[in-house]
């Protein structure tokens, strides 16, 4: 098998699929996609994962919480949550979550406002999100949804997970 740093082009698609993936009608956190296996050594010391999603949802005042969990085990809700964005009074959402190694293969950082903003390039007031997942071994991530009210509907229309290698 080829080494990840020798593969071109950069980025590499880890996983992609068209939905729809329908969220069950309950108020639990529901894993819609996962586990997605992130291959060992696909990021390097300065690389990143980029998780892109497109959603449609009931347009009302009820909350709908989108999550991406890195370091999840199986289809569970463990690992580090790199977004817990809650949408209300919206009919669509397009989200991008970036998880970057910060100079070591076991030290990640992500933008803090991914938890409260659907805008990729803006300002925030909290701390950036961090984790210590060893990316020299295969790990997993999950994409999930929590409904505030079980009568709402949310569909994940498509997703794509990209790995950018940088050492």
Foldseek 3Di string as FASTA:
>chain_A
DDQLVPDDDPKDWQDKDFDFQKDALDQDKFFSDDFRKDAAQNAAQWKKKKKKWKKFKDQAAWKKWKWKAWQDDTSDDDHFTQEGEIDHRDGMAIAMWMWTRHRGQFKIWTAPCSHYDRDDDDDDDDDIDMGGHRRNHMGTMTIIMGTRGSVMIMTTRMMIMIMGYDD
